[in-house]
Amino acid sequence: MGEGAIWFVDNLPTVNYFVLAIIALTLVMMKWKASTLAFLLSLIVGLGSAYMIIAGFSEWQEMPVGSSAAWSLLSGVLLMFGGTLIMSIIMPMKYLR
């Protein structure tokens, strides 16, 4: 039992404090409708989404032309990160009225 507990403690997943901070800021923004936090979070999410879209296009260019894997990669990147980019534009409009 002691050996298993030591293994469990040694192999705990690491905590991503950046993600925890973003979650905390989002909860504060939703509670008190802080426009400054809305702008800050939308800027962070928008820049991250734009970066991931550019990275997706970079990976897409390295794949063989016309392959189904390339098109599924591109469509997945545009759906996921294009949507978050659009939401990062809409979010400050909602809170900065």
N, C-alpha and C. Protein backbone atom coordinates (compact mmCIF):
# COMPACT_ATOMS: atom_id res chain seq x y z
N MET A 1 0.83 -1.20 0.00
CA MET A 1 0.00 0.00 0.00
C MET A 1 0.86 1.25 0.00
N GLY A 2 1.92 1.28 0.81
CA GLY A 2 2.78 2.46 0.87
C GLY A 2 3.48 2.72 -0.44
N GLU A 3 3.90 1.63 -1.13
CA GLU A 3 4.58 1.79 -2.41
C GLU A 3 3.63 2.36 -3.46
N GLY A 4 2.38 1.91 -3.47
CA GLY A 4 1.40 2.42 -4.42
C GLY A 4 1.09 3.89 -4.18
N ALA A 5 1.04 4.30 -2.91
CA ALA A 5 0.77 5.70 -2.60
C ALA A 5 1.92 6.58 -3.06
N ILE A 6 3.15 6.10 -2.88
CA ILE A 6 4.31 6.88 -3.33
C ILE A 6 4.30 7.01 -4.85
N TRP A 7 3.95 5.91 -5.56
CA TRP A 7 3.88 5.96 -7.02
C TRP A 7 2.83 6.97 -7.46
N PHE A 8 1.68 6.96 -6.79
CA PHE A 8 0.60 7.88 -7.16
C PHE A 8 1.01 9.33 -6.97
N VAL A 9 1.65 9.64 -5.85
CA VAL A 9 2.07 11.01 -5.57
C VAL A 9 3.15 11.45 -6.56
N ASP A 10 4.05 10.55 -6.91
CA ASP A 10 5.12 10.88 -7.86
C ASP A 10 4.60 11.11 -9.27
N ASN A 11 3.49 10.51 -9.61
CA ASN A 11 2.96 10.58 -10.97
C ASN A 11 1.71 11.44 -11.08
N LEU A 12 1.49 12.34 -10.16
CA LEU A 12 0.36 13.25 -10.27
C LEU A 12 0.56 14.16 -11.48
N PRO A 13 -0.51 14.49 -12.17
CA PRO A 13 -0.35 15.39 -13.31
C PRO A 13 0.05 16.79 -12.83
N THR A 14 0.80 17.47 -13.67
CA THR A 14 1.21 18.83 -13.32
C THR A 14 0.03 19.78 -13.49
N VAL A 15 0.05 20.85 -12.78
CA VAL A 15 -1.03 21.83 -12.82
C VAL A 15 -0.63 22.95 -13.77
N ASN A 16 -1.51 23.29 -14.67
CA ASN A 16 -1.28 24.38 -15.60
C ASN A 16 -1.89 25.65 -14.99
N TYR A 17 -1.06 26.46 -14.38
CA TYR A 17 -1.55 27.64 -13.67
C TYR A 17 -2.08 28.70 -14.63
N PHE A 18 -1.60 28.73 -15.86
CA PHE A 18 -2.12 29.68 -16.83
C PHE A 18 -3.59 29.40 -17.11
N VAL A 19 -3.93 28.14 -17.31
CA VAL A 19 -5.32 27.77 -17.56
C VAL A 19 -6.18 28.06 -16.34
N LEU A 20 -5.67 27.77 -15.16
CA LEU A 20 -6.42 28.09 -13.94
C LEU A 20 -6.65 29.59 -13.80
N ALA A 21 -5.68 30.40 -14.17
CA ALA A 21 -5.84 31.86 -14.11
C ALA A 21 -6.88 32.33 -15.12
N ILE A 22 -6.89 31.77 -16.31
CA ILE A 22 -7.89 32.14 -17.31
C ILE A 22 -9.29 31.75 -16.83
N ILE A 23 -9.42 30.58 -16.23
CA ILE A 23 -10.73 30.16 -15.71
C ILE A 23 -11.18 31.10 -14.59
N ALA A 24 -10.27 31.47 -13.70
CA ALA A 24 -10.61 32.38 -12.61
C ALA A 24 -11.01 33.75 -13.15
N LEU A 25 -10.27 34.26 -14.12
CA LEU A 25 -10.62 35.56 -14.71
C LEU A 25 -11.96 35.50 -15.42
N THR A 26 -12.25 34.39 -16.08
CA THR A 26 -13.54 34.24 -16.74
C THR A 26 -14.68 34.23 -15.74
N LEU A 27 -14.49 33.53 -14.63
CA LEU A 27 -15.54 33.51 -13.60
C LEU A 27 -15.75 34.90 -12.99
N VAL A 28 -14.66 35.63 -12.74
CA VAL A 28 -14.78 36.99 -12.21
C VAL A 28 -15.50 37.88 -13.22
N MET A 29 -15.15 37.74 -14.50
CA MET A 29 -15.78 38.56 -15.53
C MET A 29 -17.28 38.27 -15.62
N MET A 30 -17.64 36.99 -15.51
CA MET A 30 -19.06 36.65 -15.60
C MET A 30 -19.83 37.12 -14.37
N LYS A 31 -19.19 37.10 -13.21
CA LYS A 31 -19.86 37.51 -11.97
C LYS A 31 -20.10 39.01 -11.93
N TRP A 32 -19.03 39.81 -12.21
CA TRP A 32 -19.15 41.26 -12.05
C TRP A 32 -19.20 42.02 -13.37
N LYS A 33 -19.22 41.32 -14.50
CA LYS A 33 -19.31 41.92 -15.84
C LYS A 33 -18.26 43.01 -16.02
N ALA A 34 -17.02 42.67 -15.73
CA ALA A 34 -15.90 43.60 -15.84
C ALA A 34 -15.49 43.73 -17.31
N SER A 35 -15.61 44.94 -17.85
CA SER A 35 -15.30 45.14 -19.27
C SER A 35 -13.80 45.05 -19.54
N THR A 36 -12.98 45.43 -18.58
CA THR A 36 -11.53 45.34 -18.77
C THR A 36 -11.10 43.88 -18.88
N LEU A 37 -11.65 43.02 -18.04
CA LEU A 37 -11.34 41.60 -18.12
C LEU A 37 -11.86 40.99 -19.41
N ALA A 38 -13.01 41.44 -19.87
CA ALA A 38 -13.56 40.93 -21.14
C ALA A 38 -12.61 41.26 -22.29
N PHE A 39 -12.10 42.49 -22.29
CA PHE A 39 -11.17 42.87 -23.34
C PHE A 39 -9.88 42.08 -23.24
N LEU A 40 -9.36 41.91 -22.03
CA LEU A 40 -8.11 41.19 -21.83
C LEU A 40 -8.25 39.72 -22.23
N LEU A 41 -9.32 39.07 -21.80
CA LEU A 41 -9.53 37.67 -22.15
C LEU A 41 -9.77 37.48 -23.64
N SER A 42 -10.52 38.38 -24.25
CA SER A 42 -10.75 38.25 -25.69
C SER A 42 -9.47 38.46 -26.47
N LEU A 43 -8.61 39.33 -25.99
CA LEU A 43 -7.32 39.54 -26.64
C LEU A 43 -6.45 38.28 -26.53
N ILE A 44 -6.40 37.67 -25.36
CA ILE A 44 -5.61 36.44 -25.16
C ILE A 44 -6.16 35.30 -26.01
N VAL A 45 -7.47 35.12 -25.98
CA VAL A 45 -8.08 34.04 -26.75
C VAL A 45 -7.94 34.30 -28.25
N GLY A 46 -8.10 35.53 -28.67
CA GLY A 46 -7.97 35.86 -30.09
C GLY A 46 -6.57 35.65 -30.61
N LEU A 47 -5.58 36.07 -29.85
CA LEU A 47 -4.19 35.86 -30.28
C LEU A 47 -3.84 34.38 -30.30
N GLY A 48 -4.29 33.64 -29.31
CA GLY A 48 -4.04 32.20 -29.30
C GLY A 48 -4.72 31.49 -30.47
N SER A 49 -5.94 31.90 -30.79
CA SER A 49 -6.65 31.29 -31.92
C SER A 49 -5.98 31.63 -33.24
N ALA A 50 -5.57 32.88 -33.40
CA ALA A 50 -4.88 33.26 -34.63
C ALA A 50 -3.57 32.49 -34.79
N TYR A 51 -2.85 32.32 -33.70
CA TYR A 51 -1.61 31.55 -33.74
C TYR A 51 -1.86 30.11 -34.16
N MET A 52 -2.90 29.50 -33.61
CA MET A 52 -3.20 28.11 -33.94
C MET A 52 -3.70 27.96 -35.38
N ILE A 53 -4.41 28.95 -35.90
CA ILE A 53 -4.83 28.91 -37.30
C ILE A 53 -3.61 28.98 -38.21
N ILE A 54 -2.67 29.86 -37.89
CA ILE A 54 -1.45 29.96 -38.68
C ILE A 54 -0.65 28.66 -38.60
N ALA A 55 -0.58 28.06 -37.40
CA ALA A 55 0.12 26.78 -37.25
C ALA A 55 -0.58 25.68 -38.04
N GLY A 56 -1.89 25.70 -38.08
CA GLY A 56 -2.64 24.72 -38.86
C GLY A 56 -2.38 24.86 -40.35
N PHE A 57 -2.33 26.10 -40.84
CA PHE A 57 -1.99 26.31 -42.25
C PHE A 57 -0.57 25.86 -42.55
N SER A 58 0.33 26.05 -41.62
CA SER A 58 1.71 25.60 -41.80
C SER A 58 1.77 24.08 -41.92
N GLU A 59 1.04 23.38 -41.06
CA GLU A 59 1.00 21.92 -41.15
C GLU A 59 0.31 21.46 -42.42
N TRP A 60 -0.71 22.17 -42.84
CA TRP A 60 -1.45 21.82 -44.04
C TRP A 60 -0.56 21.91 -45.27
N GLN A 61 0.32 22.91 -45.32
CA GLN A 61 1.22 23.07 -46.46
C GLN A 61 2.25 21.95 -46.55
N GLU A 62 2.58 21.32 -45.42
CA GLU A 62 3.57 20.24 -45.43
C GLU A 62 2.98 18.91 -45.86
N MET A 63 1.67 18.79 -45.93
CA MET A 63 1.03 17.53 -46.31
C MET A 63 0.92 17.44 -47.83
N PRO A 64 0.77 16.22 -48.35
CA PRO A 64 0.61 16.05 -49.80
C PRO A 64 -0.63 16.78 -50.31
N VAL A 65 -0.52 17.34 -51.50
CA VAL A 65 -1.60 18.14 -52.07
C VAL A 65 -2.82 17.25 -52.35
N GLY A 66 -3.97 17.69 -51.89
CA GLY A 66 -5.23 17.00 -52.17
C GLY A 66 -5.51 15.79 -51.30
N SER A 67 -4.69 15.50 -50.31
CA SER A 67 -4.96 14.33 -49.48
C SER A 67 -6.13 14.61 -48.54
N SER A 68 -6.83 13.56 -48.20
CA SER A 68 -8.00 13.74 -47.32
C SER A 68 -7.56 14.12 -45.91
N ALA A 69 -6.38 13.66 -45.49
CA ALA A 69 -5.88 14.03 -44.16
C ALA A 69 -5.59 15.53 -44.09
N ALA A 70 -5.08 16.08 -45.17
CA ALA A 70 -4.79 17.52 -45.19
C ALA A 70 -6.08 18.33 -45.09
N TRP A 71 -7.09 17.91 -45.83
CA TRP A 71 -8.35 18.67 -45.79
C TRP A 71 -9.07 18.50 -44.45
N SER A 72 -8.98 17.32 -43.85
CA SER A 72 -9.61 17.14 -42.54
C SER A 72 -8.88 17.94 -41.47
N LEU A 73 -7.54 18.01 -41.59
CA LEU A 73 -6.79 18.86 -40.66
C LEU A 73 -7.20 20.32 -40.80
N LEU A 74 -7.26 20.80 -42.03
CA LEU A 74 -7.60 22.20 -42.26
C LEU A 74 -9.02 22.51 -41.82
N SER A 75 -9.96 21.62 -42.11
CA SER A 75 -11.34 21.89 -41.70
C SER A 75 -11.48 21.84 -40.18
N GLY A 76 -10.78 20.91 -39.53
CA GLY A 76 -10.83 20.85 -38.07
C GLY A 76 -10.24 22.09 -37.41
N VAL A 77 -9.10 22.54 -37.93
CA VAL A 77 -8.46 23.75 -37.38
C VAL A 77 -9.37 24.96 -37.57
N LEU A 78 -9.93 25.10 -38.77
CA LEU A 78 -10.78 26.26 -39.02
C LEU A 78 -12.07 26.22 -38.21
N LEU A 79 -12.63 25.03 -38.01
CA LEU A 79 -13.85 24.94 -37.20
C LEU A 79 -13.58 25.27 -35.74
N MET A 80 -12.53 24.66 -35.18
CA MET A 80 -12.26 24.87 -33.75
C MET A 80 -11.75 26.29 -33.48
N PHE A 81 -10.67 26.65 -34.14
CA PHE A 81 -10.03 27.91 -33.80
C PHE A 81 -10.64 29.11 -34.53
N GLY A 82 -11.28 28.86 -35.66
CA GLY A 82 -12.03 29.94 -36.31
C GLY A 82 -13.23 30.35 -35.45
N GLY A 83 -13.87 29.35 -34.86
CA GLY A 83 -14.99 29.64 -33.96
C GLY A 83 -14.56 30.41 -32.72
N THR A 84 -13.43 30.02 -32.15
CA THR A 84 -12.97 30.76 -30.97
C THR A 84 -12.48 32.15 -31.33
N LEU A 85 -11.95 32.31 -32.54
CA LEU A 85 -11.55 33.66 -32.98
C LEU A 85 -12.78 34.55 -33.14
N ILE A 86 -13.83 34.01 -33.69
CA ILE A 86 -15.08 34.78 -33.83
C ILE A 86 -15.65 35.11 -32.46
N MET A 87 -15.61 34.15 -31.54
CA MET A 87 -16.12 34.42 -30.19
C MET A 87 -15.26 35.45 -29.45
N SER A 88 -13.97 35.48 -29.74
CA SER A 88 -13.12 36.50 -29.09
C SER A 88 -13.42 37.88 -29.63
N ILE A 89 -14.02 37.98 -30.79
CA ILE A 89 -14.44 39.28 -31.31
C ILE A 89 -15.80 39.67 -30.74
N ILE A 90 -16.68 38.68 -30.57
CA ILE A 90 -18.03 38.96 -30.07
C ILE A 90 -18.02 39.27 -28.57
N MET A 91 -17.14 38.60 -27.81
CA MET A 91 -17.14 38.75 -26.35
C MET A 91 -16.97 40.19 -25.88
N PRO A 92 -16.00 40.95 -26.38
CA PRO A 92 -15.90 42.33 -25.87
C PRO A 92 -17.07 43.20 -26.33
N MET A 93 -17.66 42.89 -27.47
CA MET A 93 -18.83 43.65 -27.91
C MET A 93 -19.98 43.49 -26.93
N LYS A 94 -20.10 42.29 -26.36
CA LYS A 94 -21.16 42.03 -25.39
C LYS A 94 -20.93 42.81 -24.09
N TYR A 95 -19.67 42.86 -23.64
CA TYR A 95 -19.39 43.46 -22.34
C TYR A 95 -19.03 44.93 -22.43
N LEU A 96 -18.71 45.46 -23.60
CA LEU A 96 -18.31 46.87 -23.72
C LEU A 96 -19.45 47.77 -24.16
N ARG A 97 -20.66 47.28 -24.14
CA ARG A 97 -21.82 48.12 -24.51
C ARG A 97 -22.05 49.20 -23.50
